[in-house]
Amino acid sequence: MKKIQTVGLLTLLSLLPFVSQATLTDSGLTIEPYLQRLTKHAVTILARTDEAQTVTLYYHKVGAANWKSKTEDDADTEHRYRLTSLKRGYEYEYYLENSSGEALTQIHTFTT
């Protein structure tokens, strides 16, 4: 019995890349946002879109009412945002939006 359950689980897991890729393609993202250079007070958030476009990053501390934003100067497929002056030990939420006001991602979180 365990052998059948394992094979079923492996089959489902092998399909996950195709499901997430379809979702990314629908949003215009080819690479979901990911973090680099996370420190106590700063982080870099990167993403990639299939076509050059202007993308805005919205972020705030979890529980805050207002969102802060960073918008790129030029349309591009590579999107990089450096957030500085963050508070140490806080959890932040962020998401990306295109110039038409459509959310490209769900809300993601990180902690400094």
PDB file of N, CA and C in Angstrom:
ATOM      1  N   MET A   1       0.820  -1.192   0.000  1.00  0.00           N
ATOM      2  CA  MET A   1       0.000   0.000   0.000  1.00  0.00           C
ATOM      3  C   MET A   1       0.864   1.257   0.000  1.00  0.00           C
ATOM      4  N   LYS A   2       1.898   1.280   0.797  1.00  0.00           N
ATOM      5  CA  LYS A   2       2.763   2.452   0.855  1.00  0.00           C
ATOM      6  C   LYS A   2       3.425   2.715  -0.493  1.00  0.00           C
ATOM      7  N   LYS A   3       3.746   1.675  -1.205  1.00  0.00           N
ATOM      8  CA  LYS A   3       4.398   1.814  -2.500  1.00  0.00           C
ATOM      9  C   LYS A   3       3.497   2.561  -3.481  1.00  0.00           C
ATOM     10  N   ILE A   4       2.215   2.252  -3.496  1.00  0.00           N
ATOM     11  CA  ILE A   4       1.261   2.922  -4.387  1.00  0.00           C
ATOM     12  C   ILE A   4       1.124   4.388  -4.006  1.00  0.00           C
ATOM     13  N   GLN A   5       1.041   4.697  -2.723  1.00  0.00           N
ATOM     14  CA  GLN A   5       0.927   6.080  -2.269  1.00  0.00           C
ATOM     15  C   GLN A   5       2.163   6.881  -2.660  1.00  0.00           C
ATOM     16  N   THR A   6       3.325   6.299  -2.542  1.00  0.00           N
ATOM     17  CA  THR A   6       4.561   6.983  -2.903  1.00  0.00           C
ATOM     18  C   THR A   6       4.596   7.298  -4.390  1.00  0.00           C
ATOM     19  N   VAL A   7       4.215   6.347  -5.221  1.00  0.00           N
ATOM     20  CA  VAL A   7       4.193   6.573  -6.665  1.00  0.00           C
ATOM     21  C   VAL A   7       3.201   7.672  -7.009  1.00  0.00           C
ATOM     22  N   GLY A   8       2.019   7.665  -6.372  1.00  0.00           N
ATOM     23  CA  GLY A   8       1.022   8.712  -6.608  1.00  0.00           C
ATOM     24  C   GLY A   8       1.547  10.079  -6.222  1.00  0.00           C
ATOM     25  N   LEU A   9       2.211  10.161  -5.096  1.00  0.00           N
ATOM     26  CA  LEU A   9       2.785  11.424  -4.648  1.00  0.00           C
ATOM     27  C   LEU A   9       3.873  11.894  -5.599  1.00  0.00           C
ATOM     28  N   LEU A  10       4.726  10.983  -6.037  1.00  0.00           N
ATOM     29  CA  LEU A  10       5.786  11.356  -6.977  1.00  0.00           C
ATOM     30  C   LEU A  10       5.200  11.859  -8.292  1.00  0.00           C
ATOM     31  N   THR A  11       4.128  11.256  -8.750  1.00  0.00           N
ATOM     32  CA  THR A  11       3.473  11.710  -9.977  1.00  0.00           C
ATOM     33  C   THR A  11       2.947  13.126  -9.804  1.00  0.00           C
ATOM     34  N   LEU A  12       2.289  13.388  -8.679  1.00  0.00           N
ATOM     35  CA  LEU A  12       1.779  14.736  -8.414  1.00  0.00           C
ATOM     36  C   LEU A  12       2.913  15.752  -8.333  1.00  0.00           C
ATOM     37  N   LEU A  13       3.979  15.398  -7.644  1.00  0.00           N
ATOM     38  CA  LEU A  13       5.108  16.314  -7.515  1.00  0.00           C
ATOM     39  C   LEU A  13       5.751  16.608  -8.860  1.00  0.00           C
ATOM     40  N   SER A  14       5.772  15.642  -9.749  1.00  0.00           N
ATOM     41  CA  SER A  14       6.377  15.872 -11.059  1.00  0.00           C
ATOM     42  C   SER A  14       5.559  16.839 -11.902  1.00  0.00           C
ATOM     43  N   LEU A  15       4.280  17.008 -11.592  1.00  0.00           N
ATOM     44  CA  LEU A  15       3.424  17.930 -12.342  1.00  0.00           C
ATOM     45  C   LEU A  15       3.519  19.364 -11.836  1.00  0.00           C
ATOM     46  N   LEU A  16       4.003  19.580 -10.622  1.00  0.00           N
ATOM     47  CA  LEU A  16       4.047  20.919 -10.040  1.00  0.00           C
ATOM     48  C   LEU A  16       4.784  21.947 -10.890  1.00  0.00           C
ATOM     49  N   PRO A  17       5.930  21.639 -11.482  1.00  0.00           N
ATOM     50  CA  PRO A  17       6.594  22.659 -12.304  1.00  0.00           C
ATOM     51  C   PRO A  17       5.721  23.154 -13.451  1.00  0.00           C
ATOM     52  N   PHE A  18       4.911  22.293 -14.028  1.00  0.00           N
ATOM     53  CA  PHE A  18       4.058  22.697 -15.139  1.00  0.00           C
ATOM     54  C   PHE A  18       2.915  23.581 -14.664  1.00  0.00           C
ATOM     55  N   VAL A  19       2.373  23.302 -13.502  1.00  0.00           N
ATOM     56  CA  VAL A  19       1.291  24.119 -12.953  1.00  0.00           C
ATOM     57  C   VAL A  19       1.807  25.509 -12.638  1.00  0.00           C
ATOM     58  N   SER A  20       2.931  25.613 -11.932  1.00  0.00           N
ATOM     59  CA  SER A  20       3.444  26.930 -11.573  1.00  0.00           C
ATOM     60  C   SER A  20       3.905  27.695 -12.805  1.00  0.00           C
ATOM     61  N   GLN A  21       4.437  27.026 -13.815  1.00  0.00           N
ATOM     62  CA  GLN A  21       4.863  27.713 -15.032  1.00  0.00           C
ATOM     63  C   GLN A  21       3.665  28.307 -15.761  1.00  0.00           C
ATOM     64  N   ALA A  22       2.541  27.608 -15.798  1.00  0.00           N
ATOM     65  CA  ALA A  22       1.338  28.135 -16.445  1.00  0.00           C
ATOM     66  C   ALA A  22       0.875  29.394 -15.731  1.00  0.00           C
ATOM     67  N   THR A  23       0.919  29.398 -14.413  1.00  0.00           N
ATOM     68  CA  THR A  23       0.523  30.570 -13.644  1.00  0.00           C
ATOM     69  C   THR A  23       1.459  31.737 -13.931  1.00  0.00           C
ATOM     70  N   LEU A  24       2.761  31.481 -13.977  1.00  0.00           N
ATOM     71  CA  LEU A  24       3.722  32.542 -14.268  1.00  0.00           C
ATOM     72  C   LEU A  24       3.501  33.103 -15.665  1.00  0.00           C
ATOM     73  N   THR A  25       3.284  32.258 -16.634  1.00  0.00           N
ATOM     74  CA  THR A  25       3.092  32.712 -18.004  1.00  0.00           C
ATOM     75  C   THR A  25       1.857  33.590 -18.115  1.00  0.00           C
ATOM     76  N   ASP A  26       0.777  33.220 -17.437  1.00  0.00           N
ATOM     77  CA  ASP A  26      -0.449  34.008 -17.475  1.00  0.00           C
ATOM     78  C   ASP A  26      -0.232  35.412 -16.919  1.00  0.00           C
ATOM     79  N   SER A  27       0.620  35.563 -15.918  1.00  0.00           N
ATOM     80  CA  SER A  27       0.853  36.866 -15.303  1.00  0.00           C
ATOM     81  C   SER A  27       1.878  37.693 -16.066  1.00  0.00           C
ATOM     82  N   GLY A  28       2.619  37.077 -16.977  1.00  0.00           N
ATOM     83  CA  GLY A  28       3.684  37.775 -17.685  1.00  0.00           C
ATOM     84  C   GLY A  28       5.040  37.589 -17.034  1.00  0.00           C
ATOM     85  N   LEU A  29       5.082  36.946 -15.865  1.00  0.00           N
ATOM     86  CA  LEU A  29       6.350  36.687 -15.189  1.00  0.00           C
ATOM     87  C   LEU A  29       6.962  35.400 -15.716  1.00  0.00           C
ATOM     88  N   THR A  30       8.260  35.428 -15.945  1.00  0.00           N
ATOM     89  CA  THR A  30       8.966  34.199 -16.286  1.00  0.00           C
ATOM     90  C   THR A  30       9.766  33.699 -15.094  1.00  0.00           C
ATOM     91  N   ILE A  31      10.080  34.601 -14.158  1.00  0.00           N
ATOM     92  CA  ILE A  31      10.705  34.220 -12.890  1.00  0.00           C
ATOM     93  C   ILE A  31       9.990  34.980 -11.786  1.00  0.00           C
ATOM     94  N   GLU A  32       9.405  34.246 -10.838  1.00  0.00           N
ATOM     95  CA  GLU A  32       8.742  34.843  -9.681  1.00  0.00           C
ATOM     96  C   GLU A  32       9.752  35.678  -8.893  1.00  0.00           C
ATOM     97  N   PRO A  33       9.278  36.645  -8.113  1.00  0.00           N
ATOM     98  CA  PRO A  33      10.197  37.444  -7.304  1.00  0.00           C
ATOM     99  C   PRO A  33      11.012  36.570  -6.350  1.00  0.00           C
ATOM    100  N   TYR A  34      12.274  36.936  -6.188  1.00  0.00           N
ATOM    101  CA  TYR A  34      13.129  36.248  -5.231  1.00  0.00           C
ATOM    102  C   TYR A  34      14.028  37.272  -4.563  1.00  0.00           C
ATOM    103  N   LEU A  35      14.562  36.910  -3.391  1.00  0.00           N
ATOM    104  CA  LEU A  35      15.347  37.830  -2.566  1.00  0.00           C
ATOM    105  C   LEU A  35      16.834  37.590  -2.746  1.00  0.00           C
ATOM    106  N   GLN A  36      17.587  38.704  -2.683  1.00  0.00           N
ATOM    107  CA  GLN A  36      19.046  38.656  -2.639  1.00  0.00           C
ATOM    108  C   GLN A  36      19.514  39.725  -1.672  1.00  0.00           C
ATOM    109  N   ARG A  37      20.712  39.518  -1.156  1.00  0.00           N
ATOM    110  CA  ARG A  37      21.373  40.511  -0.300  1.00  0.00           C
ATOM    111  C   ARG A  37      20.481  40.961   0.861  1.00  0.00           C
ATOM    112  N   LEU A  38      19.829  40.005   1.525  1.00  0.00           N
ATOM    113  CA  LEU A  38      18.995  40.307   2.682  1.00  0.00           C
ATOM    114  C   LEU A  38      19.889  40.585   3.881  1.00  0.00           C
ATOM    115  N   THR A  39      19.729  41.758   4.480  1.00  0.00           N
ATOM    116  CA  THR A  39      20.481  42.143   5.672  1.00  0.00           C
ATOM    117  C   THR A  39      19.489  42.548   6.759  1.00  0.00           C
ATOM    118  N   LYS A  40      20.003  43.086   7.862  1.00  0.00           N
ATOM    119  CA  LYS A  40      19.134  43.526   8.954  1.00  0.00           C
ATOM    120  C   LYS A  40      18.264  44.709   8.557  1.00  0.00           C
ATOM    121  N   HIS A  41      18.712  45.501   7.565  1.00  0.00           N
ATOM    122  CA  HIS A  41      18.001  46.734   7.217  1.00  0.00           C
ATOM    123  C   HIS A  41      17.733  46.901   5.726  1.00  0.00           C
ATOM    124  N   ALA A  42      18.015  45.876   4.920  1.00  0.00           N
ATOM    125  CA  ALA A  42      17.839  46.037   3.470  1.00  0.00           C
ATOM    126  C   ALA A  42      17.639  44.684   2.790  1.00  0.00           C
ATOM    127  N   VAL A  43      17.105  44.743   1.573  1.00  0.00           N
ATOM    128  CA  VAL A  43      16.922  43.547   0.751  1.00  0.00           C
ATOM    129  C   VAL A  43      16.830  43.976  -0.707  1.00  0.00           C
ATOM    130  N   THR A  44      17.242  43.092  -1.605  1.00  0.00           N
ATOM    131  CA  THR A  44      17.028  43.300  -3.036  1.00  0.00           C
ATOM    132  C   THR A  44      16.013  42.263  -3.494  1.00  0.00           C
ATOM    133  N   ILE A  45      14.992  42.724  -4.212  1.00  0.00           N
ATOM    134  CA  ILE A  45      13.962  41.840  -4.755  1.00  0.00           C
ATOM    135  C   ILE A  45      14.084  41.868  -6.268  1.00  0.00           C
ATOM    136  N   LEU A  46      14.164  40.689  -6.876  1.00  0.00           N
ATOM    137  CA  LEU A  46      14.316  40.576  -8.328  1.00  0.00           C
ATOM    138  C   LEU A  46      13.196  39.729  -8.915  1.00  0.00           C
ATOM    139  N   ALA A  47      12.865  40.006 -10.185  1.00  0.00           N
ATOM    140  CA  ALA A  47      11.890  39.210 -10.940  1.00  0.00           C
ATOM    141  C   ALA A  47      12.173  39.420 -12.418  1.00  0.00           C
ATOM    142  N   ARG A  48      11.544  38.594 -13.248  1.00  0.00           N
ATOM    143  CA  ARG A  48      11.712  38.724 -14.698  1.00  0.00           C
ATOM    144  C   ARG A  48      10.351  38.559 -15.369  1.00  0.00           C
ATOM    145  N   THR A  49      10.107  39.399 -16.391  1.00  0.00           N
ATOM    146  CA  THR A  49       8.876  39.306 -17.172  1.00  0.00           C
ATOM    147  C   THR A  49       9.201  38.870 -18.593  1.00  0.00           C
ATOM    148  N   ASP A  50       8.190  38.346 -19.281  1.00  0.00           N
ATOM    149  CA  ASP A  50       8.413  37.855 -20.645  1.00  0.00           C
ATOM    150  C   ASP A  50       8.551  38.979 -21.661  1.00  0.00           C
ATOM    151  N   GLU A  51       8.005  40.154 -21.364  1.00  0.00           N
ATOM    152  CA  GLU A  51       8.119  41.320 -22.240  1.00  0.00           C
ATOM    153  C   GLU A  51       8.578  42.518 -21.424  1.00  0.00           C
ATOM    154  N   ALA A  52       9.220  43.474 -22.088  1.00  0.00           N
ATOM    155  CA  ALA A  52       9.640  44.696 -21.403  1.00  0.00           C
ATOM    156  C   ALA A  52       8.404  45.447 -20.928  1.00  0.00           C
ATOM    157  N   GLN A  53       8.389  45.775 -19.657  1.00  0.00           N
ATOM    158  CA  GLN A  53       7.284  46.541 -19.092  1.00  0.00           C
ATOM    159  C   GLN A  53       7.741  47.242 -17.826  1.00  0.00           C
ATOM    160  N   THR A  54       6.991  48.250 -17.434  1.00  0.00           N
ATOM    161  CA  THR A  54       7.257  48.948 -16.187  1.00  0.00           C
ATOM    162  C   THR A  54       6.492  48.227 -15.088  1.00  0.00           C
ATOM    163  N   VAL A  55       7.200  47.837 -14.051  1.00  0.00           N
ATOM    164  CA  VAL A  55       6.605  47.079 -12.952  1.00  0.00           C
ATOM    165  C   VAL A  55       6.849  47.841 -11.654  1.00  0.00           C
ATOM    166  N   THR A  56       5.820  47.911 -10.818  1.00  0.00           N
ATOM    167  CA  THR A  56       5.922  48.583  -9.528  1.00  0.00           C
ATOM    168  C   THR A  56       5.922  47.546  -8.414  1.00  0.00           C
ATOM    169  N   LEU A  57       6.827  47.727  -7.459  1.00  0.00           N
ATOM    170  CA  LEU A  57       6.880  46.893  -6.265  1.00  0.00           C
ATOM    171  C   LEU A  57       6.155  47.635  -5.149  1.00  0.00           C
ATOM    172  N   TYR A  58       5.202  46.984  -4.507  1.00  0.00           N
ATOM    173  CA  TYR A  58       4.527  47.526  -3.330  1.00  0.00           C
ATOM    174  C   TYR A  58       4.978  46.715  -2.128  1.00  0.00           C
ATOM    175  N   TYR A  59       5.266  47.405  -1.010  1.00  0.00           N
ATOM    176  CA  TYR A  59       5.728  46.712   0.185  1.00  0.00           C
ATOM    177  C   TYR A  59       5.336  47.490   1.430  1.00  0.00           C
ATOM    178  N   HIS A  60       5.265  46.790   2.547  1.00  0.00           N
ATOM    179  CA  HIS A  60       5.045  47.414   3.854  1.00  0.00           C
ATOM    180  C   HIS A  60       5.298  46.392   4.955  1.00  0.00           C
ATOM    181  N   LYS A  61       5.399  46.901   6.192  1.00  0.00           N
ATOM    182  CA  LYS A  61       5.497  46.000   7.336  1.00  0.00           C
ATOM    183  C   LYS A  61       4.151  45.303   7.492  1.00  0.00           C
ATOM    184  N   VAL A  62       4.183  44.029   7.856  1.00  0.00           N
ATOM    185  CA  VAL A  62       2.939  43.292   8.069  1.00  0.00           C
ATOM    186  C   VAL A  62       2.107  44.032   9.117  1.00  0.00           C
ATOM    187  N   GLY A  63       0.849  44.267   8.801  1.00  0.00           N
ATOM    188  CA  GLY A  63      -0.058  44.964   9.706  1.00  0.00           C
ATOM    189  C   GLY A  63      -0.173  46.455   9.441  1.00  0.00           C
ATOM    190  N   ALA A  64       0.748  47.018   8.661  1.00  0.00           N
ATOM    191  CA  ALA A  64       0.675  48.450   8.342  1.00  0.00           C
ATOM    192  C   ALA A  64      -0.477  48.696   7.371  1.00  0.00           C
ATOM    193  N   ALA A  65      -1.094  49.863   7.479  1.00  0.00           N
ATOM    194  CA  ALA A  65      -2.245  50.180   6.628  1.00  0.00           C
ATOM    195  C   ALA A  65      -1.822  50.612   5.227  1.00  0.00           C
ATOM    196  N   ASN A  66      -0.746  51.369   5.131  1.00  0.00           N
ATOM    197  CA  ASN A  66      -0.346  51.941   3.843  1.00  0.00           C
ATOM    198  C   ASN A  66       0.807  51.173   3.211  1.00  0.00           C
ATOM    199  N   TRP A  67       0.737  51.038   1.890  1.00  0.00           N
ATOM    200  CA  TRP A  67       1.797  50.400   1.115  1.00  0.00           C
ATOM    201  C   TRP A  67       2.751  51.464   0.593  1.00  0.00           C
ATOM    202  N   LYS A  68       4.044  51.185   0.630  1.00  0.00           N
ATOM    203  CA  LYS A  68       5.049  52.018  -0.031  1.00  0.00           C
ATOM    204  C   LYS A  68       5.274  51.410  -1.407  1.00  0.00           C
ATOM    205  N   SER A  69       5.808  52.208  -2.343  1.00  0.00           N
ATOM    206  CA  SER A  69       6.025  51.663  -3.687  1.00  0.00           C
ATOM    207  C   SER A  69       7.354  52.119  -4.260  1.00  0.00           C
ATOM    208  N   LYS A  70       7.866  51.293  -5.168  1.00  0.00           N
ATOM    209  CA  LYS A  70       9.063  51.613  -5.956  1.00  0.00           C
ATOM    210  C   LYS A  70       8.741  51.247  -7.390  1.00  0.00           C
ATOM    211  N   THR A  71       8.887  52.219  -8.290  1.00  0.00           N
ATOM    212  CA  THR A  71       8.622  51.986  -9.707  1.00  0.00           C
ATOM    213  C   THR A  71       9.901  52.212 -10.487  1.00  0.00           C
ATOM    214  N   GLU A  72      10.145  51.356 -11.440  1.00  0.00           N
ATOM    215  CA  GLU A  72      11.331  51.491 -12.283  1.00  0.00           C
ATOM    216  C   GLU A  72      11.182  52.680 -13.226  1.00  0.00           C
ATOM    217  N   ASP A  73      12.305  53.238 -13.622  1.00  0.00           N
ATOM    218  CA  ASP A  73      12.298  54.370 -14.547  1.00  0.00           C
ATOM    219  C   ASP A  73      11.985  53.945 -15.975  1.00  0.00           C
ATOM    220  N   ASP A  74      12.457  52.774 -16.380  1.00  0.00           N
ATOM    221  CA  ASP A  74      12.301  52.317 -17.762  1.00  0.00           C
ATOM    222  C   ASP A  74      11.654  50.940 -17.811  1.00  0.00           C
ATOM    223  N   ALA A  75      10.961  50.674 -18.916  1.00  0.00           N
ATOM    224  CA  ALA A  75      10.408  49.340 -19.146  1.00  0.00           C
ATOM    225  C   ALA A  75      11.557  48.376 -19.417  1.00  0.00           C
ATOM    226  N   ASP A  76      11.482  47.187 -18.836  1.00  0.00           N
ATOM    227  CA  ASP A  76      12.535  46.187 -18.994  1.00  0.00           C
ATOM    228  C   ASP A  76      11.949  44.808 -18.709  1.00  0.00           C
ATOM    229  N   THR A  77      12.728  43.761 -18.955  1.00  0.00           N
ATOM    230  CA  THR A  77      12.307  42.407 -18.590  1.00  0.00           C
ATOM    231  C   THR A  77      12.934  41.969 -17.267  1.00  0.00           C
ATOM    232  N   GLU A  78      14.031  42.616 -16.874  1.00  0.00           N
ATOM    233  CA  GLU A  78      14.701  42.339 -15.606  1.00  0.00           C
ATOM    234  C   GLU A  78      14.269  43.415 -14.615  1.00  0.00           C
ATOM    235  N   HIS A  79      13.745  43.003 -13.477  1.00  0.00           N
ATOM    236  CA  HIS A  79      13.218  43.956 -12.499  1.00  0.00           C
ATOM    237  C   HIS A  79      13.963  43.773 -11.182  1.00  0.00           C
ATOM    238  N   ARG A  80      14.567  44.862 -10.702  1.00  0.00           N
ATOM    239  CA  ARG A  80      15.401  44.830  -9.500  1.00  0.00           C
ATOM    240  C   ARG A  80      15.026  46.019  -8.610  1.00  0.00           C
ATOM    241  N   TYR A  81      14.764  45.712  -7.345  1.00  0.00           N
ATOM    242  CA  TYR A  81      14.375  46.741  -6.387  1.00  0.00           C
ATOM    243  C   TYR A  81      15.224  46.576  -5.133  1.00  0.00           C
ATOM    244  N   ARG A  82      15.921  47.627  -4.739  1.00  0.00           N
ATOM    245  CA  ARG A  82      16.703  47.608  -3.502  1.00  0.00           C
ATOM    246  C   ARG A  82      15.923  48.392  -2.459  1.00  0.00           C
ATOM    247  N   LEU A  83      15.505  47.712  -1.403  1.00  0.00           N
ATOM    248  CA  LEU A  83      14.792  48.353  -0.306  1.00  0.00           C
ATOM    249  C   LEU A  83      15.771  48.549   0.834  1.00  0.00           C
ATOM    250  N   THR A  84      15.877  49.777   1.304  1.00  0.00           N
ATOM    251  CA  THR A  84      16.795  50.105   2.392  1.00  0.00           C
ATOM    252  C   THR A  84      16.010  50.762   3.525  1.00  0.00           C
ATOM    253  N   SER A  85      16.679  51.025   4.617  1.00  0.00           N
ATOM    254  CA  SER A  85      16.076  51.650   5.798  1.00  0.00           C
ATOM    255  C   SER A  85      14.915  50.829   6.355  1.00  0.00           C
ATOM    256  N   LEU A  86      15.002  49.512   6.221  1.00  0.00           N
ATOM    257  CA  LEU A  86      13.994  48.637   6.808  1.00  0.00           C
ATOM    258  C   LEU A  86      14.300  48.462   8.290  1.00  0.00           C
ATOM    259  N   LYS A  87      13.307  48.108   9.058  1.00  0.00           N
ATOM    260  CA  LYS A  87      13.479  47.904  10.498  1.00  0.00           C
ATOM    261  C   LYS A  87      13.888  46.461  10.779  1.00  0.00           C
ATOM    262  N   ARG A  88      14.900  46.313  11.590  1.00  0.00           N
ATOM    263  CA  ARG A  88      15.434  44.991  11.934  1.00  0.00           C
ATOM    264  C   ARG A  88      14.387  44.155  12.680  1.00  0.00           C
ATOM    265  N   GLY A  89      14.281  42.871  12.286  1.00  0.00           N
ATOM    266  CA  GLY A  89      13.414  41.945  12.999  1.00  0.00           C
ATOM    267  C   GLY A  89      11.935  42.032  12.652  1.00  0.00           C
ATOM    268  N   TYR A  90      11.580  42.767  11.614  1.00  0.00           N
ATOM    269  CA  TYR A  90      10.176  42.890  11.213  1.00  0.00           C
ATOM    270  C   TYR A  90       9.888  42.031   9.994  1.00  0.00           C
ATOM    271  N   GLU A  91       8.630  41.612   9.886  1.00  0.00           N
ATOM    272  CA  GLU A  91       8.179  40.889   8.705  1.00  0.00           C
ATOM    273  C   GLU A  91       7.553  41.895   7.744  1.00  0.00           C
ATOM    274  N   TYR A  92       7.918  41.794   6.485  1.00  0.00           N
ATOM    275  CA  TYR A  92       7.409  42.674   5.433  1.00  0.00           C
ATOM    276  C   TYR A  92       6.653  41.859   4.395  1.00  0.00           C
ATOM    277  N   GLU A  93       5.656  42.500   3.782  1.00  0.00           N
ATOM    278  CA  GLU A  93       4.920  41.908   2.675  1.00  0.00           C
ATOM    279  C   GLU A  93       5.237  42.699   1.417  1.00  0.00           C
ATOM    280  N   TYR A  94       5.178  42.033   0.266  1.00  0.00           N
ATOM    281  CA  TYR A  94       5.393  42.733  -0.999  1.00  0.00           C
ATOM    282  C   TYR A  94       4.700  42.007  -2.136  1.00  0.00           C
ATOM    283  N   TYR A  95       4.413  42.756  -3.187  1.00  0.00           N
ATOM    284  CA  TYR A  95       3.875  42.174  -4.420  1.00  0.00           C
ATOM    285  C   TYR A  95       4.225  43.086  -5.578  1.00  0.00           C
ATOM    286  N   LEU A  96       4.104  42.568  -6.799  1.00  0.00           N
ATOM    287  CA  LEU A  96       4.410  43.323  -8.015  1.00  0.00           C
ATOM    288  C   LEU A  96       3.131  43.603  -8.787  1.00  0.00           C
ATOM    289  N   GLU A  97       3.115  44.777  -9.425  1.00  0.00           N
ATOM    290  CA  GLU A  97       1.955  45.201 -10.205  1.00  0.00           C
ATOM    291  C   GLU A  97       2.437  45.800 -11.520  1.00  0.00           C
ATOM    292  N   ASN A  98       1.727  45.547 -12.619  1.00  0.00           N
ATOM    293  CA  ASN A  98       2.116  46.133 -13.906  1.00  0.00           C
ATOM    294  C   ASN A  98       1.558  47.547 -14.034  1.00  0.00           C
ATOM    295  N   SER A  99       1.884  48.227 -15.129  1.00  0.00           N
ATOM    296  CA  SER A  99       1.476  49.626 -15.296  1.00  0.00           C
ATOM    297  C   SER A  99      -0.026  49.781 -15.505  1.00  0.00           C
ATOM    298  N   SER A 100      -0.736  48.685 -15.772  1.00  0.00           N
ATOM    299  CA  SER A 100      -2.198  48.720 -15.901  1.00  0.00           C
ATOM    300  C   SER A 100      -2.887  48.528 -14.556  1.00  0.00           C
ATOM    301  N   GLY A 101      -2.099  48.360 -13.502  1.00  0.00           N
ATOM    302  CA  GLY A 101      -2.663  48.182 -12.171  1.00  0.00           C
ATOM    303  C   GLY A 101      -3.045  46.750 -11.840  1.00  0.00           C
ATOM    304  N   GLU A 102      -2.606  45.800 -12.663  1.00  0.00           N
ATOM    305  CA  GLU A 102      -2.903  44.385 -12.413  1.00  0.00           C
ATOM    306  C   GLU A 102      -1.788  43.762 -11.580  1.00  0.00           C
ATOM    307  N   ALA A 103      -2.164  43.048 -10.535  1.00  0.00           N
ATOM    308  CA  ALA A 103      -1.172  42.360  -9.709  1.00  0.00           C
ATOM    309  C   ALA A 103      -0.538  41.238 -10.517  1.00  0.00           C
ATOM    310  N   LEU A 104       0.788  41.196 -10.532  1.00  0.00           N
ATOM    311  CA  LEU A 104       1.528  40.138 -11.227  1.00  0.00           C
ATOM    312  C   LEU A 104       1.839  38.971 -10.300  1.00  0.00           C
ATOM    313  N   THR A 105       1.796  39.226  -8.995  1.00  0.00           N
ATOM    314  CA  THR A 105       2.127  38.192  -8.016  1.00  0.00           C
ATOM    315  C   THR A 105       1.124  38.213  -6.880  1.00  0.00           C
ATOM    316  N   GLN A 106       1.164  37.155  -6.117  1.00  0.00           N
ATOM    317  CA  GLN A 106       0.469  37.146  -4.838  1.00  0.00           C
ATOM    318  C   GLN A 106       1.343  37.922  -3.863  1.00  0.00           C
ATOM    319  N   ILE A 107       0.854  38.127  -2.666  1.00  0.00           N
ATOM    320  CA  ILE A 107       1.649  38.795  -1.639  1.00  0.00           C
ATOM    321  C   ILE A 107       2.656  37.794  -1.078  1.00  0.00           C
ATOM    322  N   HIS A 108       3.929  38.197  -1.076  1.00  0.00           N
ATOM    323  CA  HIS A 108       5.023  37.397  -0.522  1.00  0.00           C
ATOM    324  C   HIS A 108       5.519  38.088   0.746  1.00  0.00           C
ATOM    325  N   THR A 109       6.265  37.381   1.583  1.00  0.00           N
ATOM    326  CA  THR A 109       6.800  37.968   2.810  1.00  0.00           C
ATOM    327  C   THR A 109       8.291  37.668   2.963  1.00  0.00           C
ATOM    328  N   PHE A 110       8.941  38.502   3.753  1.00  0.00           N
ATOM    329  CA  PHE A 110      10.317  38.258   4.192  1.00  0.00           C
ATOM    330  C   PHE A 110      10.493  38.923   5.545  1.00  0.00           C
ATOM    331  N   THR A 111      11.495  38.486   6.289  1.00  0.00           N
ATOM    332  CA  THR A 111      11.792  39.052   7.598  1.00  0.00           C
ATOM    333  C   THR A 111      13.229  39.540   7.607  1.00  0.00           C
ATOM    334  N   THR A 112      13.435  40.750   8.138  1.00  0.00           N
ATOM    335  CA  THR A 112      14.787  41.309   8.217  1.00  0.00           C
ATOM    336  C   THR A 112      15.476  40.804   9.466  1.00  0.00           C
TER     337      THR A 112
END
